[in-house]
N, C-alpha and C. Protein backbone atom coordinates (compact mmCIF):
# COMPACT_ATOMS: atom_id res chain seq x y z
N UNK A 1 0.83 -1.18 0.00
CA UNK A 1 0.00 0.00 0.00
C UNK A 1 0.87 1.24 0.00
N UNK A 2 0.45 2.23 -0.72
CA UNK A 2 1.22 3.47 -0.75
C UNK A 2 0.87 4.34 0.44
N UNK A 3 1.82 5.13 0.84
CA UNK A 3 1.61 6.02 1.97
C UNK A 3 0.81 7.23 1.50
N UNK A 4 -0.21 7.56 2.27
CA UNK A 4 -1.06 8.70 1.95
C UNK A 4 -0.55 9.91 2.72
N UNK A 5 -0.18 10.95 2.00
CA UNK A 5 0.34 12.15 2.67
C UNK A 5 -0.71 13.25 2.73
N UNK A 6 -1.96 12.90 2.57
CA UNK A 6 -3.02 13.90 2.61
C UNK A 6 -3.20 14.41 4.04
N UNK A 7 -4.00 15.44 4.15
CA UNK A 7 -4.21 16.04 5.46
C UNK A 7 -4.93 15.09 6.41
N UNK A 8 -5.78 14.20 5.88
CA UNK A 8 -6.46 13.25 6.76
C UNK A 8 -5.48 12.23 7.33
N UNK A 9 -4.47 11.86 6.56
CA UNK A 9 -3.45 10.94 7.09
C UNK A 9 -2.61 11.62 8.15
N UNK A 10 -2.37 12.91 7.99
CA UNK A 10 -1.61 13.65 9.00
C UNK A 10 -2.44 13.89 10.26
N UNK A 11 -3.75 13.82 10.13
CA UNK A 11 -4.63 14.05 11.28
C UNK A 11 -4.74 12.84 12.19
N UNK A 12 -4.35 11.66 11.70
CA UNK A 12 -4.49 10.44 12.50
C UNK A 12 -3.73 10.54 13.81
N UNK A 13 -2.45 10.96 13.83
CA UNK A 13 -1.77 11.09 15.13
C UNK A 13 -2.44 12.11 16.05
N UNK A 14 -2.98 13.18 15.49
CA UNK A 14 -3.69 14.15 16.31
C UNK A 14 -4.96 13.55 16.90
N UNK A 15 -5.64 12.73 16.12
CA UNK A 15 -6.86 12.10 16.60
C UNK A 15 -6.58 11.16 17.76
N UNK A 16 -5.62 10.24 17.58
CA UNK A 16 -5.40 9.30 18.68
C UNK A 16 -4.74 9.99 19.86
N UNK A 17 -3.96 11.05 19.63
CA UNK A 17 -3.40 11.82 20.74
C UNK A 17 -4.50 12.52 21.51
N UNK A 18 -5.46 13.09 20.78
CA UNK A 18 -6.61 13.72 21.43
C UNK A 18 -7.46 12.71 22.17
N UNK A 19 -7.57 11.51 21.61
CA UNK A 19 -8.33 10.46 22.29
C UNK A 19 -7.68 10.03 23.58
N UNK A 20 -6.36 9.92 23.57
CA UNK A 20 -5.63 9.54 24.79
C UNK A 20 -5.78 10.63 25.84
N UNK A 21 -5.61 11.89 25.44
CA UNK A 21 -5.72 13.00 26.38
C UNK A 21 -7.14 13.09 26.94
N UNK A 22 -8.14 12.98 26.08
CA UNK A 22 -9.52 13.04 26.53
C UNK A 22 -9.89 11.89 27.45
N UNK A 23 -9.40 10.69 27.13
CA UNK A 23 -9.71 9.54 27.99
C UNK A 23 -9.00 9.66 29.34
N UNK A 24 -7.81 10.27 29.37
CA UNK A 24 -7.13 10.52 30.64
C UNK A 24 -7.94 11.50 31.48
N UNK A 25 -8.45 12.56 30.86
CA UNK A 25 -9.29 13.50 31.60
C UNK A 25 -10.58 12.84 32.08
N UNK A 26 -11.16 11.96 31.27
CA UNK A 26 -12.35 11.23 31.69
C UNK A 26 -12.04 10.33 32.88
N UNK A 27 -10.86 9.73 32.89
CA UNK A 27 -10.45 8.89 34.02
C UNK A 27 -10.35 9.71 35.29
N UNK A 28 -9.75 10.89 35.19
CA UNK A 28 -9.65 11.76 36.37
C UNK A 28 -11.05 12.16 36.84
N UNK A 29 -11.93 12.46 35.90
CA UNK A 29 -13.29 12.84 36.25
C UNK A 29 -14.12 11.72 36.84
N UNK A 30 -13.76 10.47 36.55
CA UNK A 30 -14.51 9.33 37.06
C UNK A 30 -14.21 9.03 38.52
N UNK A 31 -13.14 9.59 39.02
CA UNK A 31 -12.71 9.28 40.37
C UNK A 31 -13.03 10.43 41.32
N UNK A 32 -13.63 10.08 42.44
CA UNK A 32 -13.86 11.12 43.44
C UNK A 32 -12.75 11.13 44.48
N UNK A 33 -12.07 10.01 44.66
CA UNK A 33 -11.13 9.92 45.77
C UNK A 33 -9.76 9.36 45.40
N UNK A 34 -9.71 8.29 44.64
CA UNK A 34 -8.45 7.58 44.41
C UNK A 34 -7.46 8.42 43.60
N UNK A 35 -7.89 8.95 42.47
CA UNK A 35 -6.97 9.72 41.63
C UNK A 35 -6.48 10.98 42.35
N UNK A 36 -7.34 11.75 43.05
CA UNK A 36 -6.80 12.88 43.79
C UNK A 36 -5.78 12.48 44.87
N UNK A 37 -6.00 11.38 45.56
CA UNK A 37 -5.03 10.92 46.56
C UNK A 37 -3.70 10.58 45.89
N UNK A 38 -3.77 9.89 44.76
CA UNK A 38 -2.54 9.55 44.03
C UNK A 38 -1.82 10.80 43.53
N UNK A 39 -2.57 11.76 43.02
CA UNK A 39 -1.95 12.98 42.52
C UNK A 39 -1.26 13.77 43.63
N UNK A 40 -1.91 13.84 44.78
CA UNK A 40 -1.28 14.55 45.91
C UNK A 40 -0.02 13.82 46.35
N UNK A 41 -0.05 12.50 46.37
CA UNK A 41 1.14 11.74 46.76
C UNK A 41 2.25 11.84 45.73
N UNK A 42 1.91 12.12 44.49
CA UNK A 42 2.92 12.31 43.45
C UNK A 42 3.48 13.73 43.46
N UNK A 43 2.97 14.58 44.33
CA UNK A 43 3.51 15.91 44.47
C UNK A 43 2.72 17.01 43.79
N UNK A 44 1.56 16.69 43.25
CA UNK A 44 0.73 17.72 42.63
C UNK A 44 0.10 18.55 43.75
N UNK A 45 0.08 19.85 43.59
CA UNK A 45 -0.45 20.74 44.61
C UNK A 45 -1.93 20.45 44.86
N UNK A 46 -2.31 20.49 46.13
CA UNK A 46 -3.71 20.20 46.48
C UNK A 46 -4.66 21.23 45.90
N UNK A 47 -4.21 22.46 45.72
CA UNK A 47 -5.10 23.46 45.12
C UNK A 47 -5.40 23.11 43.67
N UNK A 48 -4.42 22.54 42.96
CA UNK A 48 -4.66 22.10 41.59
C UNK A 48 -5.59 20.89 41.56
N UNK A 49 -5.38 19.97 42.48
CA UNK A 49 -6.24 18.79 42.54
C UNK A 49 -7.68 19.19 42.83
N UNK A 50 -7.88 20.18 43.69
CA UNK A 50 -9.23 20.65 43.98
C UNK A 50 -9.90 21.25 42.74
N UNK A 51 -9.11 21.86 41.89
CA UNK A 51 -9.66 22.46 40.66
C UNK A 51 -10.10 21.39 39.65
N UNK A 52 -9.65 20.15 39.81
CA UNK A 52 -10.02 19.09 38.88
C UNK A 52 -11.44 18.57 39.10
N UNK A 53 -12.11 19.06 40.14
CA UNK A 53 -13.47 18.59 40.44
C UNK A 53 -14.44 18.88 39.30
N UNK A 54 -14.19 19.92 38.51
CA UNK A 54 -15.10 20.24 37.42
C UNK A 54 -15.12 19.14 36.36
N UNK A 55 -14.06 18.32 36.31
CA UNK A 55 -14.05 17.22 35.35
C UNK A 55 -15.13 16.18 35.64
N UNK A 56 -15.54 16.09 36.90
CA UNK A 56 -16.58 15.14 37.27
C UNK A 56 -17.89 15.46 36.57
N UNK A 57 -18.18 16.74 36.43
CA UNK A 57 -19.44 17.14 35.79
C UNK A 57 -19.46 16.82 34.30
N UNK A 58 -18.31 16.89 33.65
CA UNK A 58 -18.28 16.67 32.20
C UNK A 58 -17.69 15.30 31.83
N UNK A 59 -17.51 14.43 32.81
CA UNK A 59 -16.90 13.13 32.55
C UNK A 59 -17.65 12.31 31.50
N UNK A 60 -18.99 12.24 31.52
CA UNK A 60 -19.67 11.47 30.47
C UNK A 60 -19.41 12.03 29.06
N UNK A 61 -19.34 13.35 28.94
CA UNK A 61 -19.06 13.97 27.65
C UNK A 61 -17.65 13.63 27.20
N UNK A 62 -16.68 13.75 28.12
CA UNK A 62 -15.30 13.40 27.78
C UNK A 62 -15.18 11.95 27.37
N UNK A 63 -15.88 11.07 28.07
CA UNK A 63 -15.85 9.65 27.74
C UNK A 63 -16.39 9.41 26.33
N UNK A 64 -17.53 10.02 26.03
CA UNK A 64 -18.13 9.83 24.71
C UNK A 64 -17.27 10.38 23.59
N UNK A 65 -16.76 11.59 23.77
CA UNK A 65 -15.93 12.21 22.74
C UNK A 65 -14.64 11.40 22.54
N UNK A 66 -14.03 10.96 23.64
CA UNK A 66 -12.78 10.19 23.53
C UNK A 66 -13.02 8.86 22.82
N UNK A 67 -14.13 8.23 23.12
CA UNK A 67 -14.46 6.97 22.45
C UNK A 67 -14.62 7.18 20.95
N UNK A 68 -15.34 8.22 20.58
CA UNK A 68 -15.55 8.51 19.16
C UNK A 68 -14.22 8.83 18.47
N UNK A 69 -13.39 9.64 19.12
CA UNK A 69 -12.10 10.01 18.52
C UNK A 69 -11.22 8.78 18.32
N UNK A 70 -11.17 7.89 19.31
CA UNK A 70 -10.34 6.69 19.17
C UNK A 70 -10.87 5.76 18.08
N UNK A 71 -12.18 5.65 17.96
CA UNK A 71 -12.76 4.82 16.91
C UNK A 71 -12.46 5.40 15.53
N UNK A 72 -12.64 6.72 15.37
CA UNK A 72 -12.36 7.37 14.09
C UNK A 72 -10.88 7.23 13.73
N UNK A 73 -9.99 7.41 14.72
CA UNK A 73 -8.55 7.28 14.45
C UNK A 73 -8.21 5.87 13.99
N UNK A 74 -8.80 4.86 14.64
CA UNK A 74 -8.52 3.48 14.24
C UNK A 74 -9.05 3.18 12.84
N UNK A 75 -10.26 3.64 12.54
CA UNK A 75 -10.84 3.40 11.22
C UNK A 75 -10.00 4.09 10.13
N UNK A 76 -9.63 5.35 10.36
CA UNK A 76 -8.81 6.05 9.37
C UNK A 76 -7.46 5.39 9.18
N UNK A 77 -6.83 4.98 10.28
CA UNK A 77 -5.51 4.35 10.19
C UNK A 77 -5.59 3.01 9.45
N UNK A 78 -6.62 2.24 9.71
CA UNK A 78 -6.76 0.95 9.03
C UNK A 78 -7.09 1.13 7.55
N UNK A 79 -7.93 2.10 7.24
CA UNK A 79 -8.27 2.35 5.84
C UNK A 79 -7.08 2.83 5.04
N UNK A 80 -6.26 3.65 5.64
CA UNK A 80 -5.11 4.23 4.94
C UNK A 80 -3.88 3.31 4.99
N UNK A 81 -3.95 2.29 5.82
CA UNK A 81 -2.82 1.39 5.96
C UNK A 81 -1.64 2.03 6.65
N UNK A 82 -1.91 3.05 7.45
CA UNK A 82 -0.83 3.78 8.10
C UNK A 82 -0.72 3.47 9.59
N UNK A 83 -1.31 2.37 10.01
CA UNK A 83 -1.28 2.02 11.43
C UNK A 83 0.03 1.31 11.76
N UNK A 84 0.94 2.01 12.37
CA UNK A 84 2.22 1.46 12.80
C UNK A 84 2.12 1.06 14.26
N UNK A 85 3.18 0.43 14.76
CA UNK A 85 3.15 -0.06 16.15
C UNK A 85 3.02 1.09 17.14
N UNK A 86 3.59 2.26 16.84
CA UNK A 86 3.49 3.40 17.76
C UNK A 86 2.05 3.90 17.84
N UNK A 87 1.36 3.89 16.71
CA UNK A 87 -0.05 4.27 16.72
C UNK A 87 -0.83 3.35 17.64
N UNK A 88 -0.64 2.04 17.46
CA UNK A 88 -1.41 1.09 18.27
C UNK A 88 -1.00 1.14 19.74
N UNK A 89 0.24 1.46 20.03
CA UNK A 89 0.66 1.61 21.43
C UNK A 89 -0.10 2.75 22.09
N UNK A 90 -0.14 3.92 21.45
CA UNK A 90 -0.86 5.06 22.02
C UNK A 90 -2.36 4.83 22.00
N UNK A 91 -2.86 4.19 20.96
CA UNK A 91 -4.28 3.89 20.89
C UNK A 91 -4.67 2.97 22.04
N UNK A 92 -3.81 2.00 22.35
CA UNK A 92 -4.08 1.08 23.46
C UNK A 92 -4.07 1.81 24.79
N UNK A 93 -3.19 2.79 24.94
CA UNK A 93 -3.18 3.59 26.18
C UNK A 93 -4.51 4.32 26.34
N UNK A 94 -5.00 4.91 25.26
CA UNK A 94 -6.30 5.59 25.32
C UNK A 94 -7.43 4.63 25.64
N UNK A 95 -7.42 3.46 25.00
CA UNK A 95 -8.46 2.47 25.26
C UNK A 95 -8.38 1.96 26.71
N UNK A 96 -7.16 1.79 27.22
CA UNK A 96 -6.98 1.36 28.61
C UNK A 96 -7.53 2.41 29.58
N UNK A 97 -7.28 3.68 29.30
CA UNK A 97 -7.84 4.75 30.14
C UNK A 97 -9.36 4.71 30.12
N UNK A 98 -9.96 4.46 28.96
CA UNK A 98 -11.42 4.38 28.87
C UNK A 98 -11.96 3.19 29.65
N UNK A 99 -11.28 2.05 29.58
CA UNK A 99 -11.71 0.88 30.35
C UNK A 99 -11.60 1.17 31.85
N UNK A 100 -10.50 1.81 32.24
CA UNK A 100 -10.33 2.17 33.65
C UNK A 100 -11.40 3.17 34.09
N UNK A 101 -11.81 4.05 33.19
CA UNK A 101 -12.87 5.02 33.50
C UNK A 101 -14.18 4.31 33.80
N UNK A 102 -14.45 3.23 33.07
CA UNK A 102 -15.69 2.48 33.32
C UNK A 102 -15.60 1.66 34.60
N UNK A 103 -14.43 1.10 34.91
CA UNK A 103 -14.29 0.20 36.05
C UNK A 103 -14.00 0.90 37.37
N UNK A 104 -13.36 2.05 37.32
CA UNK A 104 -12.94 2.73 38.54
C UNK A 104 -14.08 3.01 39.52
N UNK A 105 -15.22 3.53 39.07
CA UNK A 105 -16.29 3.78 40.05
C UNK A 105 -16.79 2.51 40.75
N UNK A 106 -16.66 1.36 40.09
CA UNK A 106 -17.13 0.11 40.70
C UNK A 106 -16.23 -0.36 41.84
N UNK A 107 -14.94 -0.06 41.75
CA UNK A 107 -13.97 -0.56 42.72
C UNK A 107 -13.26 0.54 43.49
N UNK A 108 -13.77 1.76 43.41
CA UNK A 108 -13.04 2.89 43.98
C UNK A 108 -12.87 2.79 45.49
N UNK A 109 -13.88 2.36 46.20
CA UNK A 109 -13.76 2.31 47.65
C UNK A 109 -12.79 1.23 48.11
N UNK A 110 -12.75 0.09 47.41
CA UNK A 110 -11.77 -0.94 47.74
C UNK A 110 -10.35 -0.45 47.44
N UNK A 111 -10.17 0.23 46.32
CA UNK A 111 -8.86 0.77 45.97
C UNK A 111 -8.45 1.84 46.97
N UNK A 112 -9.39 2.70 47.34
CA UNK A 112 -9.09 3.76 48.31
C UNK A 112 -8.68 3.16 49.65
N UNK A 113 -9.40 2.15 50.10
CA UNK A 113 -9.07 1.52 51.38
C UNK A 113 -7.66 0.91 51.33
N UNK A 114 -7.36 0.20 50.27
CA UNK A 114 -6.03 -0.41 50.14
C UNK A 114 -4.94 0.66 50.03
N UNK A 115 -5.22 1.72 49.31
CA UNK A 115 -4.24 2.81 49.15
C UNK A 115 -3.97 3.50 50.49
N UNK A 116 -5.00 3.76 51.25
CA UNK A 116 -4.80 4.41 52.55
C UNK A 116 -4.10 3.51 53.54
N UNK A 117 -4.39 2.21 53.51
CA UNK A 117 -3.68 1.27 54.38
C UNK A 117 -2.21 1.19 53.99
N UNK A 118 -1.93 1.23 52.68
CA UNK A 118 -0.55 1.19 52.21
C UNK A 118 0.20 2.45 52.64
N UNK A 119 -0.47 3.59 52.60
CA UNK A 119 0.16 4.86 52.99
C UNK A 119 0.46 4.91 54.49
N UNK A 120 -0.38 4.28 55.29
CA UNK A 120 -0.14 4.26 56.74
C UNK A 120 1.07 3.39 57.08
N UNK A 121 1.37 2.46 56.20
CA UNK A 121 2.57 1.63 56.41
C UNK A 121 2.29 0.40 57.07
């Protein structure tokens, strides 16, 4: 297959990059407790973590948009034959964030309990 240098082929990395970023924001928005605790322990300022609460309100929108972006990026990459291993690596990261976004609310309290016990030592 020949390489397509059109603008749509150049947009594929932007699409999956946007999907990864959006799915990461959706993951942060899906968590009320675990992600903020982890961010504070990683050294992120608590005032910044408090500002992330607005992501909770738009989390379903971020999830939907990220899902659509990742699907469109995969379809375009497969149609153009331009899907390299780096594309699929980043696409998998975005898909993993989306899966974690769906599962995190189900197990958040168990994760929080284990995280707090681990922090106490």
